[in-house]
Amino acid sequence: MGEESEADRIARQEEDKLRERRKAKKGKKGLESAASKRLAKIGEGKVKRPGAMGDAAVPEADPLIERTIKLRKWFEQHRQTAGALIAIAVLGGAGFLGYDYWQGKHEAEASAMLAQGIADEHGTVSDKDDDDTDKRPSLYPTFKTADERRDAAIAKYREVESKFAGTGSAMLARLSEAGLLLDKGDAKGAIAAYEDVKASPLAIADAQVRGRALEGVGFADEILARTDAAAKDKHLDDALAAFKLLEGIDTKGFKELGKYHEARVLQAKGDRDKAIELLKDVHTAVSSPDQEHQFEYLEIVVEDRLRELDPTALPPRAAKGPPGGVGGAGGGGMPDMNDPRIQELLRQIQQKQGGAPAPGAPPP
């Protein structure tokens, strides 16, 4: 009974094998659990993928990527701030475009009104009734008198100055107004207008505008010298100073024009020799055949004044054309300033200068 039968022995061996399998299975589960824990810890960190644009980027290798990553992080952390900045940028761009459009429209309106003033200034003077006038359309309005025409133009120019202050059109209107005030005999008003133009950014940037303003100041001072006898010398000195500034403008033609005006003032002051010296300098410059002259009439008036002060300085002017032409009746050599062709040339030159007296023409 105490002996183990063959069946019992087989059963015992099977139980032993079963226990061994269970022990082996239990040990594997522990290893798997430990491995899972390690994988979980690894998952808590950042997975680095070579070649991907992420935190694995090496700053020293590519600073641009580093800055991009930082910028992306900043946007993620400050979404509201970033959105506000983008909105401000968009609104700012729209505001700039709107202002640019408004500014262009503003300048266009100023230019249109300035053109109306110029049209009035060059309008037709006629005392005929409407039924008698030419019905053809004209760019220029018609006025009964020259004074009415001048006053209408001044009013337009002042409207431009008032409505569009600070614009280039306003300064050009002020310059044109100054010329009309000079024509009217209002020397003090003209000087005030010319000084405004001379001090403007437009005159600083544009030598032509600055030159016209300086020449106008000199003309106005000459008028004051004739109307204010007690202060004649002072006004002539002021005119001389303005023309010296005109001479100093570094633009072709202004040096000679300034010297010519200085010679006129010196002649008025009684310094004939100095006037002749300046006129000779100007004549040498403007009579050079290889020079392009900005002021077409300057050579003629310089020669006429030089012959007047020193008949030996230049040979007599050769007669041109038939008797009674520009050369004078009988070929006298001196131009007839009342000749319609001379007057028309003066008028054209005056128009080119925006209403200012032609170079060399005495102030009104």
Protein backbone atom coordinates (compact mmCIF):
# COMPACT_ATOMS: atom_id res chain seq x y z
CA MET A 1 0.00 0.00 0.00
CA GLY A 2 2.86 2.27 0.78
CA GLU A 3 4.44 1.87 -2.58
CA GLU A 4 3.83 4.49 -5.26
CA SER A 5 2.07 3.04 -8.17
CA GLU A 6 3.02 3.82 -11.72
CA ALA A 7 -0.12 5.93 -12.13
CA ASP A 8 0.64 7.87 -8.98
CA ARG A 9 4.17 8.52 -10.16
CA ILE A 10 2.98 9.91 -13.50
CA ALA A 11 0.41 12.10 -11.78
CA ARG A 12 3.05 13.46 -9.41
CA GLN A 13 5.38 14.28 -12.30
CA GLU A 14 2.61 16.12 -14.12
CA GLU A 15 1.82 18.17 -11.01
CA ASP A 16 5.50 19.02 -10.67
CA LYS A 17 5.65 20.16 -14.29
CA LEU A 18 2.50 22.24 -13.80
CA ARG A 19 3.98 23.96 -10.75
CA GLU A 20 7.17 24.70 -12.70
CA ARG A 21 5.18 26.22 -15.59
CA ARG A 22 3.21 28.37 -13.15
CA LYS A 23 6.41 29.62 -11.54
CA ALA A 24 7.90 30.47 -14.93
CA LYS A 25 4.74 32.33 -15.99
CA LYS A 26 4.68 34.36 -12.78
CA GLY A 27 8.28 35.45 -13.25
CA LYS A 28 7.64 36.64 -16.86
CA LYS A 29 4.73 38.81 -15.71
CA GLY A 30 7.03 40.63 -13.31
CA LEU A 31 9.54 41.31 -16.09
CA GLU A 32 6.78 42.59 -18.36
CA SER A 33 5.50 44.89 -15.61
CA ALA A 34 8.95 46.37 -15.05
CA ALA A 35 9.43 46.91 -18.77
CA SER A 36 6.04 48.68 -19.02
CA LYS A 37 6.98 51.01 -16.19
CA ARG A 38 10.22 51.91 -17.91
CA LEU A 39 8.40 52.59 -21.18
CA ALA A 40 5.90 54.83 -19.36
CA LYS A 41 8.74 56.91 -17.92
CA ILE A 42 10.28 57.23 -21.33
CA GLY A 43 6.93 58.39 -22.71
CA GLU A 44 6.82 61.22 -20.19
CA GLY A 45 9.89 62.77 -21.82
CA LYS A 46 10.17 64.34 -25.28
CA VAL A 47 10.69 62.02 -28.17
CA LYS A 48 13.47 63.27 -30.36
CA ARG A 49 13.13 62.69 -34.04
CA PRO A 50 16.19 63.55 -36.13
CA GLY A 51 15.38 65.88 -39.02
CA ALA A 52 12.03 67.13 -37.62
CA MET A 53 11.55 70.81 -36.84
CA GLY A 54 10.93 70.57 -33.10
CA ASP A 55 12.69 70.80 -29.83
CA ALA A 56 15.32 68.40 -31.15
CA ALA A 57 16.76 71.23 -33.30
CA VAL A 58 20.28 72.14 -32.38
CA PRO A 59 20.52 75.96 -32.04
CA GLU A 60 24.16 76.07 -33.02
CA ALA A 61 23.34 74.14 -36.18
CA ASP A 62 20.49 76.42 -37.36
CA PRO A 63 19.75 79.72 -35.49
CA LEU A 64 16.83 80.39 -37.82
CA ILE A 65 15.08 77.22 -36.68
CA GLU A 66 15.70 78.18 -33.05
CA ARG A 67 14.15 81.63 -33.58
CA THR A 68 11.22 80.08 -35.43
CA ILE A 69 10.59 77.66 -32.56
CA LYS A 70 10.75 80.47 -30.01
CA LEU A 71 8.39 82.62 -32.06
CA ARG A 72 5.95 79.72 -32.42
CA LYS A 73 6.05 79.11 -28.66
CA TRP A 74 5.47 82.82 -28.00
CA PHE A 75 2.43 82.84 -30.29
CA GLU A 76 1.08 79.73 -28.59
CA GLN A 77 1.52 81.30 -25.15
CA HIS A 78 0.22 84.77 -26.14
CA ARG A 79 -2.53 84.08 -28.62
CA GLN A 80 -4.65 87.08 -27.60
CA THR A 81 -1.72 89.51 -27.68
CA ALA A 82 -0.59 88.21 -31.05
CA GLY A 83 -4.09 88.56 -32.43
CA ALA A 84 -4.29 92.15 -31.20
CA LEU A 85 -0.96 92.98 -32.81
CA ILE A 86 -2.06 91.50 -36.12
CA ALA A 87 -5.31 93.48 -35.95
CA ILE A 88 -3.39 96.70 -35.25
CA ALA A 89 -1.06 96.03 -38.19
CA VAL A 90 -4.01 95.43 -40.51
CA LEU A 91 -5.82 98.54 -39.31
CA GLY A 92 -2.60 100.55 -39.57
CA GLY A 93 -2.11 99.44 -43.18
CA ALA A 94 -5.70 100.30 -44.00
CA GLY A 95 -5.30 103.67 -42.29
CA PHE A 96 -2.16 104.44 -44.27
CA LEU A 97 -3.88 103.59 -47.54
CA GLY A 98 -6.84 105.73 -46.54
CA TYR A 99 -4.62 108.66 -45.62
CA ASP A 100 -2.66 108.28 -48.84
CA TYR A 101 -5.91 108.39 -50.82
CA TRP A 102 -7.14 111.40 -48.88
CA GLN A 103 -3.83 113.19 -49.33
CA GLY A 104 -3.90 112.60 -53.09
CA LYS A 105 -7.48 113.84 -53.29
CA HIS A 106 -6.57 116.88 -51.17
CA GLU A 107 -3.67 117.79 -53.46
CA ALA A 108 -5.81 117.28 -56.57
CA GLU A 109 -8.45 119.69 -55.25
CA ALA A 110 -5.76 122.24 -54.36
CA SER A 111 -4.22 121.98 -57.84
CA ALA A 112 -7.61 122.41 -59.48
CA MET A 113 -8.33 125.57 -57.51
CA LEU A 114 -4.82 126.87 -58.24
CA ALA A 115 -5.47 126.32 -61.94
CA GLN A 116 -8.62 128.43 -61.66
CA GLY A 117 -6.58 131.27 -60.19
CA ILE A 118 -4.04 131.01 -63.01
CA ALA A 119 -6.88 131.05 -65.54
CA ASP A 120 -8.26 134.22 -63.96
CA GLU A 121 -4.82 135.84 -63.93
CA HIS A 122 -4.44 135.25 -67.67
CA GLY A 123 -8.04 135.97 -68.51
CA THR A 124 -9.19 138.24 -71.33
CA VAL A 125 -9.98 141.89 -70.70
CA SER A 126 -12.86 143.21 -72.77
CA ASP A 127 -15.44 145.95 -72.24
CA LYS A 128 -17.74 144.56 -74.91
CA ASP A 129 -21.21 143.35 -74.07
CA ASP A 130 -21.84 139.62 -74.01
CA ASP A 131 -23.67 139.82 -77.31
CA ASP A 132 -20.62 141.31 -78.97
CA THR A 133 -18.00 138.89 -77.65
CA ASP A 134 -16.78 135.78 -79.35
CA LYS A 135 -19.00 132.86 -78.33
CA ARG A 136 -16.31 130.23 -78.85
CA PRO A 137 -15.39 128.40 -75.61
CA SER A 138 -12.23 129.64 -73.93
CA LEU A 139 -9.99 128.33 -71.21
CA TYR A 140 -9.79 131.80 -69.73
CA PRO A 141 -12.62 133.95 -68.37
CA THR A 142 -13.30 137.49 -69.56
CA PHE A 143 -13.16 140.56 -67.33
CA LYS A 144 -14.19 144.15 -67.87
CA THR A 145 -10.92 145.63 -66.58
CA ALA A 146 -7.40 144.53 -65.73
CA ASP A 147 -8.02 145.43 -62.08
CA GLU A 148 -11.09 143.18 -61.99
CA ARG A 149 -9.05 140.35 -63.47
CA ARG A 150 -6.23 140.82 -60.96
CA ASP A 151 -8.61 140.99 -57.98
CA ALA A 152 -10.38 137.81 -59.09
CA ALA A 153 -7.08 135.94 -59.37
CA ILE A 154 -5.88 137.19 -55.97
CA ALA A 155 -9.15 136.00 -54.41
CA LYS A 156 -8.70 132.53 -55.91
CA TYR A 157 -5.08 132.31 -54.77
CA ARG A 158 -6.03 133.31 -51.23
CA GLU A 159 -8.75 130.67 -51.20
CA VAL A 160 -6.15 128.04 -52.07
CA GLU A 161 -3.89 129.32 -49.30
CA SER A 162 -6.73 129.20 -46.78
CA LYS A 163 -8.26 125.82 -47.65
CA PHE A 164 -5.05 123.95 -48.42
CA ALA A 165 -2.52 125.54 -46.07
CA GLY A 166 0.83 123.79 -45.99
CA THR A 167 0.57 122.20 -49.43
CA GLY A 168 2.80 122.95 -52.40
CA SER A 169 -0.20 124.38 -54.23
CA ALA A 170 -0.76 126.85 -51.39
CA MET A 171 2.84 128.08 -51.65
CA LEU A 172 2.60 128.44 -55.43
CA ALA A 173 -0.64 130.39 -54.92
CA ARG A 174 1.14 132.65 -52.42
CA LEU A 175 3.95 133.19 -54.93
CA SER A 176 1.49 134.13 -57.68
CA GLU A 177 -0.37 136.42 -55.30
CA ALA A 178 2.91 138.18 -54.49
CA GLY A 179 3.48 138.88 -58.18
CA LEU A 180 0.01 140.39 -58.53
CA LEU A 181 0.49 142.52 -55.42
CA LEU A 182 3.72 143.75 -56.95
CA ASP A 183 1.86 144.59 -60.15
CA LYS A 184 -0.74 146.41 -58.07
CA GLY A 185 1.94 148.54 -56.40
CA ASP A 186 1.49 146.98 -52.94
CA ALA A 187 5.20 146.56 -52.29
CA LYS A 188 4.89 145.80 -48.57
CA GLY A 189 2.21 143.19 -49.15
CA ALA A 190 4.31 141.65 -51.90
CA ILE A 191 7.39 141.47 -49.64
CA ALA A 192 5.37 139.71 -46.93
CA ALA A 193 4.11 137.16 -49.47
CA TYR A 194 7.53 136.60 -51.00
CA GLU A 195 9.08 136.13 -47.56
CA ASP A 196 6.47 133.48 -46.74
CA VAL A 197 7.37 131.61 -49.90
CA LYS A 198 11.10 132.00 -49.35
CA ALA A 199 10.85 130.39 -45.91
CA SER A 200 8.68 127.48 -47.09
CA PRO A 201 9.86 123.87 -47.51
CA LEU A 202 8.94 124.18 -51.19
CA ALA A 203 11.43 127.02 -51.71
CA ILE A 204 14.11 125.12 -49.81
CA ALA A 205 13.61 122.12 -52.10
CA ASP A 206 12.99 123.99 -55.37
CA ALA A 207 15.60 126.49 -56.55
CA GLN A 208 13.21 127.97 -59.13
CA VAL A 209 10.66 128.90 -56.46
CA ARG A 210 13.38 130.27 -54.18
CA GLY A 211 14.86 132.32 -57.03
CA ARG A 212 11.53 133.86 -57.98
CA ALA A 213 10.84 134.77 -54.36
CA LEU A 214 14.22 136.47 -53.96
CA GLU A 215 13.85 138.35 -57.24
CA GLY A 216 10.38 139.50 -56.16
CA VAL A 217 11.70 140.80 -52.84
CA GLY A 218 14.32 142.84 -54.71
CA PHE A 219 11.70 144.28 -57.09
CA ALA A 220 9.46 145.25 -54.17
CA ASP A 221 12.36 147.00 -52.41
CA GLU A 222 13.04 148.97 -55.60
CA ILE A 223 9.42 150.14 -55.65
CA LEU A 224 9.72 151.26 -52.03
CA ALA A 225 12.90 153.14 -52.94
CA ARG A 226 10.88 155.16 -55.47
CA THR A 227 7.88 155.76 -53.22
CA ASP A 228 9.70 156.36 -49.91
CA ALA A 229 12.27 159.00 -50.71
CA ALA A 230 13.36 159.40 -47.08
CA ALA A 231 14.50 155.77 -46.91
CA LYS A 232 15.58 155.41 -50.53
CA ASP A 233 19.13 154.28 -49.80
CA LYS A 234 17.96 151.70 -47.27
CA HIS A 235 15.47 150.20 -49.71
CA LEU A 236 18.08 150.08 -52.47
CA ASP A 237 20.51 148.35 -50.12
CA ASP A 238 17.79 145.82 -49.27
CA ALA A 239 17.17 145.22 -52.97
CA LEU A 240 20.89 144.77 -53.57
CA ALA A 241 21.08 142.22 -50.75
CA ALA A 242 18.15 140.23 -52.22
CA PHE A 243 19.75 140.15 -55.66
CA LYS A 244 23.07 139.01 -54.18
CA LEU A 245 21.22 136.05 -52.65
CA LEU A 246 19.69 135.41 -56.06
CA GLU A 247 23.17 135.39 -57.57
CA GLY A 248 24.21 132.75 -55.04
CA ILE A 249 21.61 130.17 -56.08
CA ASP A 250 23.41 127.21 -57.55
CA THR A 251 21.17 126.81 -60.60
CA LYS A 252 22.05 127.69 -64.16
CA GLY A 253 21.14 131.26 -65.06
CA PHE A 254 20.46 132.70 -61.61
CA LYS A 255 24.03 133.92 -61.13
CA GLU A 256 23.85 136.06 -64.27
CA LEU A 257 20.31 137.24 -63.54
CA GLY A 258 21.28 138.28 -60.01
CA LYS A 259 24.31 140.20 -61.28
CA TYR A 260 22.21 142.01 -63.87
CA HIS A 261 19.76 143.18 -61.20
CA GLU A 262 22.65 144.21 -58.96
CA ALA A 263 23.98 146.35 -61.82
CA ARG A 264 20.61 148.10 -62.15
CA VAL A 265 20.49 148.86 -58.43
CA LEU A 266 24.10 150.11 -58.43
CA GLN A 267 23.21 152.37 -61.34
CA ALA A 268 20.29 153.74 -59.30
CA LYS A 269 22.66 154.32 -56.38
CA GLY A 270 25.02 156.26 -58.66
CA ASP A 271 27.83 153.65 -58.81
CA ARG A 272 28.15 153.65 -62.60
CA ASP A 273 31.58 152.01 -62.82
CA LYS A 274 30.63 149.02 -60.71
CA ALA A 275 27.42 148.63 -62.69
CA ILE A 276 29.39 148.55 -65.96
CA GLU A 277 31.80 146.00 -64.54
CA LEU A 278 28.97 143.66 -63.54
CA LEU A 279 27.20 144.08 -66.89
CA LYS A 280 30.37 143.13 -68.75
CA ASP A 281 30.69 139.97 -66.64
CA VAL A 282 27.10 139.04 -67.37
CA HIS A 283 27.47 139.78 -71.08
CA THR A 284 30.51 137.51 -71.34
CA ALA A 285 28.55 134.68 -69.74
CA VAL A 286 25.28 135.03 -71.64
CA SER A 287 26.78 135.72 -75.08
CA SER A 288 28.85 132.53 -75.16
CA PRO A 289 27.56 130.50 -78.14
CA ASP A 290 28.06 127.16 -76.41
CA GLN A 291 25.89 128.07 -73.43
CA GLU A 292 22.21 127.24 -73.01
CA HIS A 293 20.58 130.27 -71.45
CA GLN A 294 17.69 129.89 -69.07
CA PHE A 295 16.60 133.52 -69.49
CA GLU A 296 16.29 134.20 -73.22
CA TYR A 297 15.85 137.96 -72.96
CA LEU A 298 18.79 138.56 -70.63
CA GLU A 299 21.42 138.99 -73.36
CA ILE A 300 19.36 141.68 -75.10
CA VAL A 301 18.67 143.78 -71.99
CA VAL A 302 22.25 143.43 -70.75
CA GLU A 303 23.62 144.74 -74.06
CA ASP A 304 21.12 147.60 -74.14
CA ARG A 305 21.96 148.72 -70.61
CA LEU A 306 25.70 148.32 -71.18
CA ARG A 307 25.54 150.48 -74.32
CA GLU A 308 23.54 153.02 -72.37
CA LEU A 309 26.16 153.27 -69.62
CA ASP A 310 29.24 152.85 -71.83
CA PRO A 311 28.72 153.28 -75.58
CA THR A 312 32.27 152.09 -76.23
CA ALA A 313 31.80 148.78 -74.41
CA LEU A 314 30.09 147.10 -77.36
CA PRO A 315 29.85 147.79 -81.07
CA PRO A 316 26.55 149.32 -82.24
CA ARG A 317 23.76 146.82 -82.71
CA ALA A 318 23.51 145.78 -86.34
CA ALA A 319 20.31 146.70 -88.10
CA LYS A 320 18.05 143.71 -88.66
CA GLY A 321 15.21 143.54 -91.13
CA PRO A 322 13.57 146.41 -92.96
CA PRO A 323 13.45 149.95 -91.55
CA GLY A 324 11.05 150.19 -88.68
CA GLY A 325 11.72 146.58 -87.58
CA VAL A 326 13.34 145.39 -84.41
CA GLY A 327 16.54 147.13 -85.39
CA GLY A 328 14.73 150.45 -85.34
CA ALA A 329 13.65 152.78 -88.10
CA GLY A 330 16.50 153.54 -90.47
CA GLY A 331 18.61 150.77 -88.88
CA GLY A 332 19.44 152.75 -85.74
CA GLY A 333 20.56 149.56 -84.00
CA MET A 334 18.53 149.97 -80.75
CA PRO A 335 15.40 147.84 -80.37
CA ASP A 336 12.12 149.64 -80.22
CA MET A 337 10.64 148.61 -76.87
CA ASN A 338 7.20 149.62 -78.15
CA ASP A 339 7.47 147.23 -81.06
CA PRO A 340 4.59 144.72 -80.76
CA ARG A 341 6.99 141.81 -81.29
CA ILE A 342 9.20 142.94 -78.42
CA GLN A 343 6.14 143.40 -76.22
CA GLU A 344 4.89 139.93 -77.14
CA LEU A 345 8.29 138.42 -76.28
CA LEU A 346 8.22 140.17 -72.91
CA ARG A 347 4.68 138.91 -72.31
CA GLN A 348 5.65 135.32 -73.10
CA ILE A 349 8.64 135.44 -70.79
CA GLN A 350 6.49 136.94 -68.04
CA GLN A 351 3.95 134.12 -68.43
CA LYS A 352 6.71 131.51 -68.15
CA GLN A 353 7.66 133.04 -64.82
CA GLY A 354 4.14 132.86 -63.47
CA GLY A 355 3.29 136.53 -63.69
CA ALA A 356 6.58 137.87 -62.32
CA PRO A 357 8.27 140.63 -64.34
CA ALA A 358 10.49 139.34 -67.11
CA PRO A 359 14.22 139.22 -66.32
CA GLY A 360 15.63 142.64 -66.86
CA ALA A 361 12.25 144.32 -67.01
CA PRO A 362 11.97 147.13 -64.48
CA PRO A 363 9.58 146.44 -61.63
CA PRO A 364 6.11 147.94 -62.11
